[in-house]
Amino acid sequence: MALWLFRAGRSGEYESKFLNDQKVYLTWDQLDVNLTKFTDRSELVSYFMNDYEAEKLGRARNWAGQVWPIAHEMSKGDWIILPSKLKSAIHIGRITGDYEFDKGRGNPYYHSREVEWFATDIPRINFDQDLLYSFGAFMTVCRISRNDAERRIKAMAANHWLTPNGNAYIDPTQSDRDEEENLFDLEEYANDAIAKYIIQKFKGHGMTRIVEAILKAKGFTTYMSPEGPDKGVDILAAPGSLGFGEPKICVQVKTSDTPVDRPTLDQLIGTMHNFKASHGLLVSWSGFKSTVDKEIASQFFNVRLWDQRAIINELLDNYDALEADIKAEIPLKRAWILAGTE
């Protein structure tokens, strides 16, 4: 069994189609040629140079390295790792079908394989940092092999997608072995490191402190329930120096190891009514199950959802305005890097 990293678009725009269709698609723009016609990778490199306007040989080789596997290297039973760009989660599936080329599907869905998505919405925080490093490769498609990744992810699958004790294995001799895995998303990697630090220091009521600090930085006056039973509300917030402005918000904060389900959302909506709040904010470090995601549209004018990714984005966006004690507990500094190009 091999592990393959797949991306569902630069911004996750194809993610829902991947999951709903039970497939992975090689979403390479206007690549309307059957890949089985190429019997050697060098032929595919030549195609990219001569017919696809790669212009540079290195670029053509890079593209061929990502396109070749779906038709020639992947096998039934291999596992697909699909990092979500829409939430702080990982989806994992098993390849169940052969390579398919169907020009009738239209661009960019010509190339596909059937996949059984047997584990979706696994919180990123459950994975060791070196695995997340590999998941952050910039490639649209690449094989994940370093640091005994296959055995470790299988062990997680057998342990309810939690990392077993002693599961980590880092082989320094592999650090430069696979060029494909060295090209990674530095921003995602940094966010994962921040996430690991935060959940270690602020799980439980500590996370409520962070959310309250963010709301204060955004100009809200807040009331935070003391640690212990919260009667369905962790924070009350409203604009203005006295908190008499609009919107009035009820906030519920969860830091469990599993995504939040629909009953928690329903409870928050009921709590909003009890506290005469106009809006609700449901915060779940481990994200939300699909039963909650399906309610996003119907609750758009009433409720907002923050998962791990949203919490960190809000923390970074409002960091300069946070109170000094929170900044002292989460010491961050800005770093400037060139945006990824090729």
Protein backbone atom coordinates (compact mmCIF):
# COMPACT_ATOMS: atom_id res chain seq x y z
CA MET A 1 0.00 0.00 0.00
CA ALA A 2 1.27 3.47 -0.90
CA LEU A 3 0.18 6.86 0.45
CA TRP A 4 -0.58 9.58 -2.09
CA LEU A 5 -1.10 13.27 -1.38
CA PHE A 6 -3.79 14.87 -3.55
CA ARG A 7 -4.85 18.50 -3.68
CA ALA A 8 -8.38 19.57 -4.56
CA GLY A 9 -7.45 22.90 -6.10
CA ARG A 10 -5.31 25.79 -4.92
CA SER A 11 -8.07 26.98 -2.57
CA GLY A 12 -9.96 23.72 -2.07
CA GLU A 13 -12.48 24.63 -4.76
CA TYR A 14 -12.85 20.99 -5.88
CA GLU A 15 -12.95 19.42 -2.41
CA SER A 16 -16.71 18.93 -2.22
CA LYS A 17 -16.76 17.33 -5.68
CA PHE A 18 -13.98 14.91 -4.69
CA LEU A 19 -15.91 13.83 -1.60
CA ASN A 20 -19.40 13.78 -3.12
CA ASP A 21 -18.32 11.93 -6.29
CA GLN A 22 -16.20 9.43 -4.34
CA LYS A 23 -13.30 10.17 -6.67
CA VAL A 24 -10.02 12.00 -7.01
CA TYR A 25 -9.59 14.14 -10.10
CA LEU A 26 -6.34 15.33 -11.61
CA THR A 27 -7.53 18.91 -12.01
CA TRP A 28 -4.85 19.95 -14.48
CA ASP A 29 -6.27 22.71 -16.67
CA GLN A 30 -6.97 21.70 -20.33
CA LEU A 31 -5.01 18.42 -20.06
CA ASP A 32 -7.43 16.61 -22.38
CA VAL A 33 -5.20 13.69 -23.43
CA ASN A 34 -5.42 10.07 -22.27
CA LEU A 35 -2.37 9.50 -20.08
CA THR A 36 -2.17 5.78 -20.92
CA LYS A 37 -0.87 6.73 -24.39
CA PHE A 38 2.45 7.62 -22.74
CA THR A 39 4.47 4.47 -22.06
CA ASP A 40 7.43 6.27 -20.51
CA ARG A 41 7.61 9.36 -18.31
CA SER A 42 10.05 10.98 -20.77
CA GLU A 43 7.28 10.92 -23.40
CA LEU A 44 5.05 12.89 -21.02
CA VAL A 45 7.87 15.38 -20.41
CA SER A 46 8.17 15.85 -24.17
CA TYR A 47 4.41 16.41 -24.44
CA PHE A 48 4.54 19.15 -21.82
CA MET A 49 7.46 20.81 -23.59
CA ASN A 50 6.08 20.61 -27.13
CA ASP A 51 2.28 20.64 -26.79
CA TYR A 52 1.51 22.14 -23.39
CA GLU A 53 3.93 25.09 -23.49
CA ALA A 54 5.90 24.28 -20.36
CA GLU A 55 8.73 26.34 -21.87
CA LYS A 56 11.32 25.15 -19.32
CA LEU A 57 12.57 21.56 -19.09
CA GLY A 58 12.61 21.65 -15.28
CA ARG A 59 8.98 22.76 -15.23
CA ALA A 60 8.00 20.00 -17.68
CA ARG A 61 9.71 17.38 -15.53
CA ASN A 62 7.99 18.74 -12.42
CA TRP A 63 4.57 18.58 -14.08
CA ALA A 64 5.20 15.09 -15.46
CA GLY A 65 6.18 13.91 -11.98
CA GLN A 66 2.79 14.97 -10.66
CA VAL A 67 0.65 13.83 -13.60
CA TRP A 68 2.26 10.43 -14.28
CA PRO A 69 1.23 8.59 -11.05
CA ILE A 70 -2.58 8.68 -11.46
CA ALA A 71 -2.38 6.55 -14.60
CA HIS A 72 0.83 4.58 -14.12
CA GLU A 73 1.82 4.24 -10.45
CA MET A 74 -1.27 4.32 -8.25
CA SER A 75 -2.97 1.00 -7.48
CA LYS A 76 -6.23 -0.19 -6.00
CA GLY A 77 -5.84 -0.30 -2.23
CA ASP A 78 -3.48 2.67 -2.04
CA TRP A 79 -4.57 5.40 0.35
CA ILE A 80 -5.25 9.04 -0.58
CA ILE A 81 -4.42 11.90 1.80
CA LEU A 82 -6.57 14.95 1.00
CA PRO A 83 -5.74 17.99 3.18
CA SER A 84 -8.71 20.32 3.37
CA LYS A 85 -8.30 23.96 2.41
CA LEU A 86 -11.81 24.70 3.69
CA LYS A 87 -11.29 23.60 7.27
CA SER A 88 -8.50 22.43 9.56
CA ALA A 89 -8.96 18.77 8.69
CA ILE A 90 -7.59 15.84 6.69
CA HIS A 91 -9.66 13.43 4.57
CA ILE A 92 -8.38 9.91 3.88
CA GLY A 93 -9.63 7.48 1.25
CA ARG A 94 -8.80 4.18 -0.40
CA ILE A 95 -8.42 3.85 -4.18
CA THR A 96 -11.03 1.40 -5.46
CA GLY A 97 -10.91 1.95 -9.23
CA ASP A 98 -8.54 2.02 -12.18
CA TYR A 99 -7.46 5.17 -13.98
CA GLU A 100 -10.29 6.69 -16.04
CA PHE A 101 -10.09 9.21 -18.87
CA ASP A 102 -13.40 10.77 -19.87
CA LYS A 103 -13.31 13.79 -22.15
CA GLY A 104 -17.07 14.15 -21.77
CA ARG A 105 -16.72 15.30 -18.16
CA GLY A 106 -15.21 18.57 -19.31
CA ASN A 107 -12.29 20.56 -18.00
CA PRO A 108 -10.68 19.92 -15.49
CA TYR A 109 -12.24 16.54 -14.69
CA TYR A 110 -10.86 14.38 -17.52
CA HIS A 111 -8.67 12.17 -15.30
CA SER A 112 -9.93 10.33 -12.23
CA ARG A 113 -9.92 7.28 -9.98
CA GLU A 114 -12.72 6.03 -7.76
CA VAL A 115 -12.03 6.42 -4.04
CA GLU A 116 -13.79 5.25 -0.89
CA TRP A 117 -13.49 8.14 1.57
CA PHE A 118 -13.52 6.08 4.74
CA ALA A 119 -12.27 8.81 7.12
CA THR A 120 -13.20 12.47 6.70
CA ASP A 121 -12.78 15.59 8.82
CA ILE A 122 -9.90 14.21 10.90
CA PRO A 123 -8.54 17.20 12.88
CA ARG A 124 -5.07 18.24 11.68
CA ILE A 125 -3.98 18.54 15.30
CA ASN A 126 -4.20 14.72 15.62
CA PHE A 127 -1.21 14.25 13.31
CA ASP A 128 2.46 14.58 14.28
CA GLN A 129 4.21 17.68 12.98
CA ASP A 130 6.48 15.78 10.56
CA LEU A 131 3.46 14.17 8.90
CA LEU A 132 1.81 17.57 8.55
CA TYR A 133 5.07 18.76 6.97
CA SER A 134 4.67 16.09 4.28
CA PHE A 135 0.98 16.92 3.88
CA GLY A 136 2.05 20.52 3.19
CA ALA A 137 3.92 19.68 -0.03
CA PHE A 138 3.10 22.20 -2.76
CA MET A 139 2.67 19.42 -5.33
CA THR A 140 -0.83 18.67 -6.65
CA VAL A 141 0.03 14.96 -6.43
CA CYS A 142 2.99 13.25 -4.76
CA ARG A 143 3.78 10.10 -2.81
CA ILE A 144 4.25 10.32 0.97
CA SER A 145 6.89 7.91 2.18
CA ARG A 146 9.29 9.53 4.63
CA ASN A 147 9.47 8.73 8.34
CA ASP A 148 7.53 5.45 8.14
CA ALA A 149 4.36 7.41 7.25
CA GLU A 150 2.37 4.40 6.02
CA ARG A 151 2.74 2.37 9.24
CA ARG A 152 2.08 5.39 11.44
CA ILE A 153 -1.09 6.46 9.66
CA LYS A 154 -2.35 2.87 9.73
CA ALA A 155 -1.69 2.86 13.49
CA MET A 156 -3.73 6.05 13.82
CA ALA A 157 -6.58 4.46 11.86
CA ALA A 158 -6.61 1.59 14.38
CA ASN A 159 -6.58 4.08 17.28
CA HIS A 160 -9.61 6.22 16.34
CA TRP A 161 -7.34 8.64 14.43
CA LEU A 162 -5.32 9.57 17.49
CA THR A 163 -1.54 9.23 17.50
CA PRO A 164 -0.54 6.18 19.61
CA ASN A 165 2.25 6.67 22.15
CA GLY A 166 5.61 5.96 20.59
CA ASN A 167 4.20 6.19 17.08
CA ALA A 168 6.62 8.87 15.87
CA TYR A 169 9.62 7.79 13.83
CA ILE A 170 11.93 10.33 12.22
CA ASP A 171 14.76 9.14 10.00
CA PRO A 172 17.20 12.02 9.39
CA THR A 173 18.68 10.19 6.39
CA GLN A 174 15.40 10.80 4.54
CA SER A 175 15.47 14.58 4.88
CA ASP A 176 16.70 15.19 1.35
CA ARG A 177 15.76 11.92 -0.29
CA ASP A 178 12.57 12.98 -1.95
CA GLU A 179 12.65 16.39 -3.62
CA GLU A 180 8.88 16.41 -4.06
CA GLU A 181 8.27 16.37 -0.32
CA ASN A 182 10.81 19.16 0.32
CA LEU A 183 8.58 21.67 -1.52
CA PHE A 184 6.07 22.50 1.18
CA ASP A 185 3.66 25.20 2.32
CA LEU A 186 5.64 27.17 4.92
CA GLU A 187 2.59 29.17 6.03
CA GLU A 188 0.60 25.98 6.68
CA TYR A 189 3.56 24.48 8.53
CA ALA A 190 3.87 27.57 10.76
CA ASN A 191 0.14 27.55 11.50
CA ASP A 192 0.32 23.86 12.47
CA ALA A 193 3.20 24.61 14.86
CA ILE A 194 1.18 27.45 16.44
CA ALA A 195 -1.83 25.14 16.72
CA LYS A 196 0.21 22.45 18.53
CA TYR A 197 1.50 25.05 20.98
CA ILE A 198 -1.93 26.52 21.66
CA ILE A 199 -3.76 23.25 22.31
CA GLN A 200 -1.00 22.10 24.67
CA LYS A 201 -1.27 25.28 26.75
CA PHE A 202 -4.91 26.31 26.41
CA LYS A 203 -7.12 23.21 26.15
CA GLY A 204 -10.47 23.48 27.92
CA HIS A 205 -11.22 26.78 29.65
CA GLY A 206 -7.93 28.20 28.39
CA MET A 207 -9.30 28.21 24.85
CA THR A 208 -12.24 30.28 26.07
CA ARG A 209 -9.71 32.84 27.31
CA ILE A 210 -8.16 33.05 23.84
CA VAL A 211 -11.52 33.49 22.11
CA GLU A 212 -12.51 36.18 24.63
CA ALA A 213 -9.18 37.97 24.04
CA ILE A 214 -9.79 37.95 20.29
CA LEU A 215 -13.30 39.37 20.72
CA LYS A 216 -11.97 42.11 23.00
CA ALA A 217 -9.32 42.95 20.40
CA LYS A 218 -12.13 43.28 17.84
CA GLY A 219 -13.86 45.86 20.03
CA PHE A 220 -16.35 43.76 21.99
CA THR A 221 -17.12 44.01 25.68
CA THR A 222 -17.36 40.50 27.10
CA TYR A 223 -18.54 38.36 29.98
CA MET A 224 -16.77 35.01 30.39
CA SER A 225 -18.38 32.24 32.40
CA PRO A 226 -16.20 30.92 35.24
CA GLU A 227 -14.53 27.55 34.76
CA GLY A 228 -16.96 24.69 35.32
CA PRO A 229 -20.55 24.08 34.11
CA ASP A 230 -21.41 26.95 31.76
CA LYS A 231 -25.17 26.47 31.20
CA GLY A 232 -24.63 26.44 27.45
CA VAL A 233 -22.67 29.68 27.13
CA ASP A 234 -18.96 30.35 27.61
CA ILE A 235 -18.84 34.00 26.55
CA LEU A 236 -21.35 36.81 26.06
CA ALA A 237 -20.16 39.67 23.84
CA ALA A 238 -21.45 42.93 22.41
CA PRO A 239 -19.86 46.12 21.05
CA GLY A 240 -19.45 49.32 23.03
CA SER A 241 -17.72 50.22 26.27
CA LEU A 242 -20.60 48.80 28.32
CA GLY A 243 -21.55 46.00 25.91
CA PHE A 244 -24.98 47.45 25.07
CA GLY A 245 -24.46 47.56 21.30
CA GLU A 246 -25.40 45.18 18.52
CA PRO A 247 -24.84 42.40 17.67
CA LYS A 248 -25.28 40.58 20.97
CA ILE A 249 -23.40 37.29 20.71
CA CYS A 250 -23.52 34.00 22.61
CA VAL A 251 -20.29 32.00 22.31
CA GLN A 252 -19.80 28.29 22.94
CA VAL A 253 -16.22 26.91 22.92
CA LYS A 254 -15.31 23.22 22.48
CA THR A 255 -11.83 21.63 22.56
CA SER A 256 -12.70 17.94 22.37
CA ASP A 257 -10.67 15.58 20.15
CA THR A 258 -13.60 14.99 17.78
CA PRO A 259 -15.57 17.33 15.50
CA VAL A 260 -18.73 18.89 16.92
CA ASP A 261 -22.08 17.45 15.75
CA ARG A 262 -25.49 19.01 15.09
CA PRO A 263 -26.89 18.79 18.67
CA THR A 264 -24.22 21.23 19.91
CA LEU A 265 -25.28 23.74 17.25
CA ASP A 266 -28.94 23.28 18.20
CA GLN A 267 -28.03 23.85 21.85
CA LEU A 268 -26.29 27.12 20.99
CA ILE A 269 -29.31 28.33 19.01
CA GLY A 270 -31.53 27.59 22.01
CA THR A 271 -29.11 29.41 24.31
CA MET A 272 -29.19 32.46 22.04
CA HIS A 273 -32.96 32.62 22.59
CA ASN A 274 -32.60 32.22 26.36
CA PHE A 275 -30.06 35.06 26.60
CA LYS A 276 -31.88 37.25 24.06
CA ALA A 277 -28.78 37.24 21.84
CA SER A 278 -29.12 38.11 18.17
CA HIS A 279 -26.19 35.98 17.03
CA GLY A 280 -24.10 32.97 18.01
CA LEU A 281 -20.48 31.91 17.61
CA LEU A 282 -19.71 28.19 17.84
CA VAL A 283 -16.00 27.51 18.31
CA SER A 284 -14.68 23.96 17.89
CA TRP A 285 -10.94 23.33 17.86
CA SER A 286 -11.46 19.94 16.16
CA GLY A 287 -13.88 21.29 13.58
CA PHE A 288 -17.40 20.28 12.65
CA LYS A 289 -19.14 17.23 11.26
CA SER A 290 -20.96 17.42 7.95
CA THR A 291 -24.30 17.68 9.79
CA VAL A 292 -23.15 21.09 11.04
CA ASP A 293 -21.58 22.15 7.74
CA LYS A 294 -24.93 21.56 6.02
CA GLU A 295 -26.50 24.23 8.23
CA ILE A 296 -24.03 27.00 7.31
CA ALA A 297 -26.30 28.51 4.67
CA SER A 298 -29.52 28.32 6.68
CA GLN A 299 -27.81 29.86 9.74
CA PHE A 300 -25.73 32.39 7.80
CA PHE A 301 -27.41 35.45 9.33
CA ASN A 302 -27.48 33.97 12.85
CA VAL A 303 -24.42 31.83 13.59
CA ARG A 304 -20.73 31.75 12.73
CA LEU A 305 -18.45 28.73 13.05
CA TRP A 306 -14.78 28.92 14.02
CA ASP A 307 -12.57 25.87 13.71
CA GLN A 308 -8.83 25.64 14.42
CA ARG A 309 -7.94 27.40 11.17
CA ALA A 310 -10.36 30.26 11.87
CA ILE A 311 -9.15 30.67 15.46
CA ILE A 312 -5.52 30.97 14.35
CA ASN A 313 -6.40 33.34 11.50
CA GLU A 314 -8.34 35.55 13.92
CA LEU A 315 -5.48 35.38 16.43
CA LEU A 316 -2.95 36.48 13.82
CA ASP A 317 -5.20 39.18 12.36
CA ASN A 318 -5.81 40.71 15.79
CA TYR A 319 -2.51 39.88 17.50
CA ASP A 320 -1.27 43.46 17.79
CA ALA A 321 -4.47 44.46 19.62
CA LEU A 322 -4.46 41.54 22.08
CA GLU A 323 -3.95 42.19 25.77
CA ALA A 324 -0.35 41.97 26.94
CA ASP A 325 -0.83 38.87 29.10
CA ILE A 326 -2.16 36.83 26.16
CA LYS A 327 0.69 37.97 23.90
CA ALA A 328 3.15 36.99 26.63
CA GLU A 329 1.65 33.49 26.76
CA ILE A 330 1.62 33.17 22.94
CA PRO A 331 4.83 34.90 21.84
CA LEU A 332 4.77 35.35 18.06
CA LYS A 333 6.80 37.40 15.61
CA ARG A 334 6.17 38.37 12.01
CA ALA A 335 8.19 36.78 9.21
CA TRP A 336 8.19 37.82 5.54
CA ILE A 337 8.73 35.26 2.78
CA LEU A 338 8.37 35.30 -0.98
CA ALA A 339 4.99 34.05 -2.14
CA GLY A 340 5.09 30.64 -3.85
CA THR A 341 5.37 30.96 -7.61
CA GLU A 342 6.42 27.73 -9.35
